[in-house]
Amino acid sequence: MTHGGFPSDAGPRIAIVALACAALLIIPRSASLGAILATGFFGGAIIALFRVGEGGSPLQLICLALS
């Protein structure tokens, strides 16, 4: 985590956000909100990879363009 510029204790908080996005996607009434939040979450993960210089594969670029 520290290699990516995040504090070492940020792992559990990131996991909670990912689980909350997944829970919102499962519930039909909040699925659209969950989709928006999950898209932002995955876009942020790709940007974090670009920050440390590990991004740039074609699949990551396509996902970034879609988010």
PDB file of N, CA and C in Angstrom:
ATOM      1  N   MET A   1       0.813  -1.189   0.000  1.00  0.00           N
ATOM      2  CA  MET A   1       0.000   0.000   0.000  1.00  0.00           C
ATOM      3  C   MET A   1       0.859   1.256   0.000  1.00  0.00           C
ATOM      4  N   THR A   2       1.940   1.240   0.736  1.00  0.00           N
ATOM      5  CA  THR A   2       2.764   2.447   0.805  1.00  0.00           C
ATOM      6  C   THR A   2       3.477   2.719  -0.515  1.00  0.00           C
ATOM      7  N   HIS A   3       3.716   1.679  -1.312  1.00  0.00           N
ATOM      8  CA  HIS A   3       4.348   1.866  -2.624  1.00  0.00           C
ATOM      9  C   HIS A   3       3.440   2.679  -3.549  1.00  0.00           C
ATOM     10  N   GLY A   4       2.138   2.522  -3.383  1.00  0.00           N
ATOM     11  CA  GLY A   4       1.175   3.244  -4.205  1.00  0.00           C
ATOM     12  C   GLY A   4       0.848   4.628  -3.686  1.00  0.00           C
ATOM     13  N   GLY A   5       1.436   5.027  -2.574  1.00  0.00           N
ATOM     14  CA  GLY A   5       1.186   6.348  -2.021  1.00  0.00           C
ATOM     15  C   GLY A   5       0.049   6.385  -1.009  1.00  0.00           C
ATOM     16  N   PHE A   6      -0.424   5.224  -0.593  1.00  0.00           N
ATOM     17  CA  PHE A   6      -1.487   5.159   0.398  1.00  0.00           C
ATOM     18  C   PHE A   6      -0.896   4.796   1.750  1.00  0.00           C
ATOM     19  N   PRO A   7      -1.518   5.241   2.845  1.00  0.00           N
ATOM     20  CA  PRO A   7      -1.031   4.833   4.165  1.00  0.00           C
ATOM     21  C   PRO A   7      -1.181   3.323   4.351  1.00  0.00           C
ATOM     22  N   SER A   8      -0.355   2.761   5.189  1.00  0.00           N
ATOM     23  CA  SER A   8      -0.368   1.306   5.358  1.00  0.00           C
ATOM     24  C   SER A   8      -1.648   0.804   6.011  1.00  0.00           C
ATOM     25  N   ASP A   9      -2.371   1.655   6.711  1.00  0.00           N
ATOM     26  CA  ASP A   9      -3.601   1.222   7.365  1.00  0.00           C
ATOM     27  C   ASP A   9      -4.845   1.490   6.515  1.00  0.00           C
ATOM     28  N   ALA A  10      -4.685   1.830   5.256  1.00  0.00           N
ATOM     29  CA  ALA A  10      -5.830   2.138   4.390  1.00  0.00           C
ATOM     30  C   ALA A  10      -6.484   0.890   3.801  1.00  0.00           C
ATOM     31  N   GLY A  11      -5.858  -0.249   3.909  1.00  0.00           N
ATOM     32  CA  GLY A  11      -6.393  -1.479   3.331  1.00  0.00           C
ATOM     33  C   GLY A  11      -7.786  -1.847   3.811  1.00  0.00           C
ATOM     34  N   PRO A  12      -8.023  -1.880   5.116  1.00  0.00           N
ATOM     35  CA  PRO A  12      -9.380  -2.218   5.581  1.00  0.00           C
ATOM     36  C   PRO A  12     -10.436  -1.207   5.143  1.00  0.00           C
ATOM     37  N   ARG A  13     -10.093   0.063   5.094  1.00  0.00           N
ATOM     38  CA  ARG A  13     -11.067   1.073   4.661  1.00  0.00           C
ATOM     39  C   ARG A  13     -11.403   0.891   3.181  1.00  0.00           C
ATOM     40  N   ILE A  14     -10.414   0.586   2.377  1.00  0.00           N
ATOM     41  CA  ILE A  14     -10.657   0.350   0.950  1.00  0.00           C
ATOM     42  C   ILE A  14     -11.516  -0.897   0.755  1.00  0.00           C
ATOM     43  N   ALA A  15     -11.267  -1.922   1.564  1.00  0.00           N
ATOM     44  CA  ALA A  15     -12.073  -3.148   1.473  1.00  0.00           C
ATOM     45  C   ALA A  15     -13.523  -2.882   1.858  1.00  0.00           C
ATOM     46  N   ILE A  16     -13.749  -2.052   2.865  1.00  0.00           N
ATOM     47  CA  ILE A  16     -15.112  -1.723   3.283  1.00  0.00           C
ATOM     48  C   ILE A  16     -15.844  -0.975   2.173  1.00  0.00           C
ATOM     49  N   VAL A  17     -15.159  -0.045   1.514  1.00  0.00           N
ATOM     50  CA  VAL A  17     -15.777   0.691   0.410  1.00  0.00           C
ATOM     51  C   VAL A  17     -16.119  -0.263  -0.735  1.00  0.00           C
ATOM     52  N   ALA A  18     -15.228  -1.192  -1.047  1.00  0.00           N
ATOM     53  CA  ALA A  18     -15.499  -2.154  -2.121  1.00  0.00           C
ATOM     54  C   ALA A  18     -16.678  -3.053  -1.768  1.00  0.00           C
ATOM     55  N   LEU A  19     -16.759  -3.494  -0.528  1.00  0.00           N
ATOM     56  CA  LEU A  19     -17.885  -4.333  -0.107  1.00  0.00           C
ATOM     57  C   LEU A  19     -19.196  -3.550  -0.103  1.00  0.00           C
ATOM     58  N   ALA A  20     -19.137  -2.274   0.263  1.00  0.00           N
ATOM     59  CA  ALA A  20     -20.346  -1.443   0.228  1.00  0.00           C
ATOM     60  C   ALA A  20     -20.835  -1.266  -1.211  1.00  0.00           C
ATOM     61  N   CYS A  21     -19.921  -1.068  -2.141  1.00  0.00           N
ATOM     62  CA  CYS A  21     -20.305  -0.970  -3.554  1.00  0.00           C
ATOM     63  C   CYS A  21     -20.939  -2.269  -4.031  1.00  0.00           C
ATOM     64  N   ALA A  22     -20.360  -3.393  -3.625  1.00  0.00           N
ATOM     65  CA  ALA A  22     -20.914  -4.689  -4.024  1.00  0.00           C
ATOM     66  C   ALA A  22     -22.296  -4.905  -3.419  1.00  0.00           C
ATOM     67  N   ALA A  23     -22.473  -4.492  -2.168  1.00  0.00           N
ATOM     68  CA  ALA A  23     -23.782  -4.644  -1.527  1.00  0.00           C
ATOM     69  C   ALA A  23     -24.835  -3.794  -2.219  1.00  0.00           C
ATOM     70  N   LEU A  24     -24.463  -2.579  -2.609  1.00  0.00           N
ATOM     71  CA  LEU A  24     -25.409  -1.720  -3.316  1.00  0.00           C
ATOM     72  C   LEU A  24     -25.760  -2.289  -4.694  1.00  0.00           C
ATOM     73  N   LEU A  25     -24.817  -2.962  -5.317  1.00  0.00           N
ATOM     74  CA  LEU A  25     -25.094  -3.578  -6.621  1.00  0.00           C
ATOM     75  C   LEU A  25     -26.058  -4.752  -6.500  1.00  0.00           C
ATOM     76  N   ILE A  26     -26.017  -5.452  -5.388  1.00  0.00           N
ATOM     77  CA  ILE A  26     -26.869  -6.631  -5.205  1.00  0.00           C
ATOM     78  C   ILE A  26     -28.316  -6.231  -4.966  1.00  0.00           C
ATOM     79  N   ILE A  27     -28.541  -5.133  -4.243  1.00  0.00           N
ATOM     80  CA  ILE A  27     -29.895  -4.689  -3.924  1.00  0.00           C
ATOM     81  C   ILE A  27     -30.494  -4.013  -5.164  1.00  0.00           C
ATOM     82  N   PRO A  28     -31.613  -4.519  -5.672  1.00  0.00           N
ATOM     83  CA  PRO A  28     -32.154  -3.976  -6.931  1.00  0.00           C
ATOM     84  C   PRO A  28     -32.493  -2.481  -6.889  1.00  0.00           C
ATOM     85  N   ARG A  29     -33.013  -1.977  -5.787  1.00  0.00           N
ATOM     86  CA  ARG A  29     -33.392  -0.559  -5.718  1.00  0.00           C
ATOM     87  C   ARG A  29     -32.186   0.366  -5.774  1.00  0.00           C
ATOM     88  N   SER A  30     -31.035  -0.099  -5.317  1.00  0.00           N
ATOM     89  CA  SER A  30     -29.846   0.754  -5.276  1.00  0.00           C
ATOM     90  C   SER A  30     -28.779   0.311  -6.269  1.00  0.00           C
ATOM     91  N   ALA A  31     -29.157  -0.515  -7.233  1.00  0.00           N
ATOM     92  CA  ALA A  31     -28.172  -1.052  -8.177  1.00  0.00           C
ATOM     93  C   ALA A  31     -27.545   0.043  -9.035  1.00  0.00           C
ATOM     94  N   SER A  32     -28.324   1.053  -9.407  1.00  0.00           N
ATOM     95  CA  SER A  32     -27.740   2.120 -10.231  1.00  0.00           C
ATOM     96  C   SER A  32     -26.722   2.928  -9.436  1.00  0.00           C
ATOM     97  N   LEU A  33     -27.009   3.215  -8.167  1.00  0.00           N
ATOM     98  CA  LEU A  33     -26.041   3.912  -7.326  1.00  0.00           C
ATOM     99  C   LEU A  33     -24.801   3.052  -7.118  1.00  0.00           C
ATOM    100  N   GLY A  34     -24.993   1.764  -6.903  1.00  0.00           N
ATOM    101  CA  GLY A  34     -23.862   0.858  -6.736  1.00  0.00           C
ATOM    102  C   GLY A  34     -23.000   0.792  -7.987  1.00  0.00           C
ATOM    103  N   ALA A  35     -23.634   0.839  -9.156  1.00  0.00           N
ATOM    104  CA  ALA A  35     -22.873   0.810 -10.409  1.00  0.00           C
ATOM    105  C   ALA A  35     -22.040   2.077 -10.574  1.00  0.00           C
ATOM    106  N   ILE A  36     -22.611   3.209 -10.218  1.00  0.00           N
ATOM    107  CA  ILE A  36     -21.867   4.468 -10.319  1.00  0.00           C
ATOM    108  C   ILE A  36     -20.690   4.470  -9.347  1.00  0.00           C
ATOM    109  N   LEU A  37     -20.935   4.039  -8.118  1.00  0.00           N
ATOM    110  CA  LEU A  37     -19.857   4.017  -7.126  1.00  0.00           C
ATOM    111  C   LEU A  37     -18.771   2.994  -7.489  1.00  0.00           C
ATOM    112  N   ALA A  38     -19.177   1.834  -7.993  1.00  0.00           N
ATOM    113  CA  ALA A  38     -18.198   0.815  -8.384  1.00  0.00           C
ATOM    114  C   ALA A  38     -17.348   1.300  -9.561  1.00  0.00           C
ATOM    115  N   THR A  39     -17.967   2.008 -10.497  1.00  0.00           N
ATOM    116  CA  THR A  39     -17.213   2.554 -11.627  1.00  0.00           C
ATOM    117  C   THR A  39     -16.172   3.545 -11.150  1.00  0.00           C
ATOM    118  N   GLY A  40     -16.560   4.408 -10.229  1.00  0.00           N
ATOM    119  CA  GLY A  40     -15.604   5.358  -9.663  1.00  0.00           C
ATOM    120  C   GLY A  40     -14.505   4.665  -8.878  1.00  0.00           C
ATOM    121  N   PHE A  41     -14.873   3.607  -8.155  1.00  0.00           N
ATOM    122  CA  PHE A  41     -13.886   2.855  -7.374  1.00  0.00           C
ATOM    123  C   PHE A  41     -12.843   2.205  -8.284  1.00  0.00           C
ATOM    124  N   PHE A  42     -13.307   1.555  -9.344  1.00  0.00           N
ATOM    125  CA  PHE A  42     -12.376   0.894 -10.260  1.00  0.00           C
ATOM    126  C   PHE A  42     -11.561   1.906 -11.057  1.00  0.00           C
ATOM    127  N   GLY A  43     -12.175   3.033 -11.415  1.00  0.00           N
ATOM    128  CA  GLY A  43     -11.423   4.093 -12.082  1.00  0.00           C
ATOM    129  C   GLY A  43     -10.318   4.635 -11.187  1.00  0.00           C
ATOM    130  N   GLY A  44     -10.622   4.790  -9.912  1.00  0.00           N
ATOM    131  CA  GLY A  44      -9.604   5.246  -8.961  1.00  0.00           C
ATOM    132  C   GLY A  44      -8.482   4.236  -8.791  1.00  0.00           C
ATOM    133  N   ALA A  45      -8.822   2.950  -8.853  1.00  0.00           N
ATOM    134  CA  ALA A  45      -7.787   1.920  -8.743  1.00  0.00           C
ATOM    135  C   ALA A  45      -6.848   1.961  -9.942  1.00  0.00           C
ATOM    136  N   ILE A  46      -7.398   2.202 -11.117  1.00  0.00           N
ATOM    137  CA  ILE A  46      -6.562   2.278 -12.319  1.00  0.00           C
ATOM    138  C   ILE A  46      -5.676   3.520 -12.271  1.00  0.00           C
ATOM    139  N   ILE A  47      -6.237   4.642 -11.812  1.00  0.00           N
ATOM    140  CA  ILE A  47      -5.437   5.857 -11.693  1.00  0.00           C
ATOM    141  C   ILE A  47      -4.315   5.675 -10.683  1.00  0.00           C
ATOM    142  N   ALA A  48      -4.584   4.939  -9.603  1.00  0.00           N
ATOM    143  CA  ALA A  48      -3.532   4.670  -8.620  1.00  0.00           C
ATOM    144  C   ALA A  48      -2.399   3.865  -9.251  1.00  0.00           C
ATOM    145  N   LEU A  49      -2.729   2.941 -10.147  1.00  0.00           N
ATOM    146  CA  LEU A  49      -1.682   2.190 -10.836  1.00  0.00           C
ATOM    147  C   LEU A  49      -0.873   3.088 -11.775  1.00  0.00           C
ATOM    148  N   PHE A  50      -1.539   4.017 -12.431  1.00  0.00           N
ATOM    149  CA  PHE A  50      -0.822   4.953 -13.299  1.00  0.00           C
ATOM    150  C   PHE A  50       0.119   5.841 -12.489  1.00  0.00           C
ATOM    151  N   ARG A  51      -0.293   6.192 -11.271  1.00  0.00           N
ATOM    152  CA  ARG A  51       0.540   7.054 -10.424  1.00  0.00           C
ATOM    153  C   ARG A  51       1.885   6.423 -10.104  1.00  0.00           C
ATOM    154  N   VAL A  52       1.889   5.121  -9.881  1.00  0.00           N
ATOM    155  CA  VAL A  52       3.133   4.450  -9.536  1.00  0.00           C
ATOM    156  C   VAL A  52       3.848   3.906 -10.754  1.00  0.00           C
ATOM    157  N   GLY A  53       3.271   4.113 -11.941  1.00  0.00           N
ATOM    158  CA  GLY A  53       3.947   3.712 -13.170  1.00  0.00           C
ATOM    159  C   GLY A  53       3.714   2.282 -13.585  1.00  0.00           C
ATOM    160  N   GLU A  54       2.705   1.619 -13.035  1.00  0.00           N
ATOM    161  CA  GLU A  54       2.447   0.226 -13.391  1.00  0.00           C
ATOM    162  C   GLU A  54       1.245   0.072 -14.316  1.00  0.00           C
ATOM    163  N   GLY A  55       0.655   1.159 -14.753  1.00  0.00           N
ATOM    164  CA  GLY A  55      -0.521   1.080 -15.597  1.00  0.00           C
ATOM    165  C   GLY A  55      -0.160   1.231 -17.054  1.00  0.00           C
ATOM    166  N   GLY A  56      -1.129   1.024 -17.889  1.00  0.00           N
ATOM    167  CA  GLY A  56      -0.914   1.253 -19.302  1.00  0.00           C
ATOM    168  C   GLY A  56      -1.187   0.071 -20.196  1.00  0.00           C
ATOM    169  N   SER A  57      -1.665  -1.041 -19.622  1.00  0.00           N
ATOM    170  CA  SER A  57      -2.011  -2.165 -20.488  1.00  0.00           C
ATOM    171  C   SER A  57      -3.270  -1.806 -21.256  1.00  0.00           C
ATOM    172  N   PRO A  58      -3.494  -2.389 -22.421  1.00  0.00           N
ATOM    173  CA  PRO A  58      -4.685  -2.061 -23.213  1.00  0.00           C
ATOM    174  C   PRO A  58      -5.996  -2.264 -22.454  1.00  0.00           C
ATOM    175  N   LEU A  59      -6.079  -3.312 -21.637  1.00  0.00           N
ATOM    176  CA  LEU A  59      -7.292  -3.551 -20.870  1.00  0.00           C
ATOM    177  C   LEU A  59      -7.534  -2.433 -19.860  1.00  0.00           C
ATOM    178  N   GLN A  60      -6.489  -1.968 -19.211  1.00  0.00           N
ATOM    179  CA  GLN A  60      -6.633  -0.876 -18.250  1.00  0.00           C
ATOM    180  C   GLN A  60      -7.040   0.413 -18.955  1.00  0.00           C
ATOM    181  N   LEU A  61      -6.511   0.656 -20.115  1.00  0.00           N
ATOM    182  CA  LEU A  61      -6.879   1.867 -20.856  1.00  0.00           C
ATOM    183  C   LEU A  61      -8.344   1.814 -21.289  1.00  0.00           C
ATOM    184  N   ILE A  62      -8.826   0.656 -21.681  1.00  0.00           N
ATOM    185  CA  ILE A  62     -10.226   0.511 -22.060  1.00  0.00           C
ATOM    186  C   ILE A  62     -11.122   0.730 -20.849  1.00  0.00           C
ATOM    187  N   CYS A  63     -10.760   0.146 -19.721  1.00  0.00           N
ATOM    188  CA  CYS A  63     -11.553   0.336 -18.497  1.00  0.00           C
ATOM    189  C   CYS A  63     -11.546   1.783 -18.056  1.00  0.00           C
ATOM    190  N   LEU A  64     -10.427   2.458 -18.198  1.00  0.00           N
ATOM    191  CA  LEU A  64     -10.354   3.861 -17.830  1.00  0.00           C
ATOM    192  C   LEU A  64     -11.220   4.711 -18.742  1.00  0.00           C
ATOM    193  N   ALA A  65     -11.248   4.375 -20.018  1.00  0.00           N
ATOM    194  CA  ALA A  65     -12.081   5.124 -20.964  1.00  0.00           C
ATOM    195  C   ALA A  65     -13.567   4.902 -20.679  1.00  0.00           C
ATOM    196  N   LEU A  66     -13.924   3.723 -20.209  1.00  0.00           N
ATOM    197  CA  LEU A  66     -15.326   3.445 -19.917  1.00  0.00           C
ATOM    198  C   LEU A  66     -15.790   4.048 -18.610  1.00  0.00           C
ATOM    199  N   SER A  67     -14.866   4.326 -17.705  1.00  0.00           N
ATOM    200  CA  SER A  67     -15.275   4.879 -16.400  1.00  0.00           C
ATOM    201  C   SER A  67     -15.219   6.351 -16.401  1.00  0.00           C
TER     202      SER A  67
END
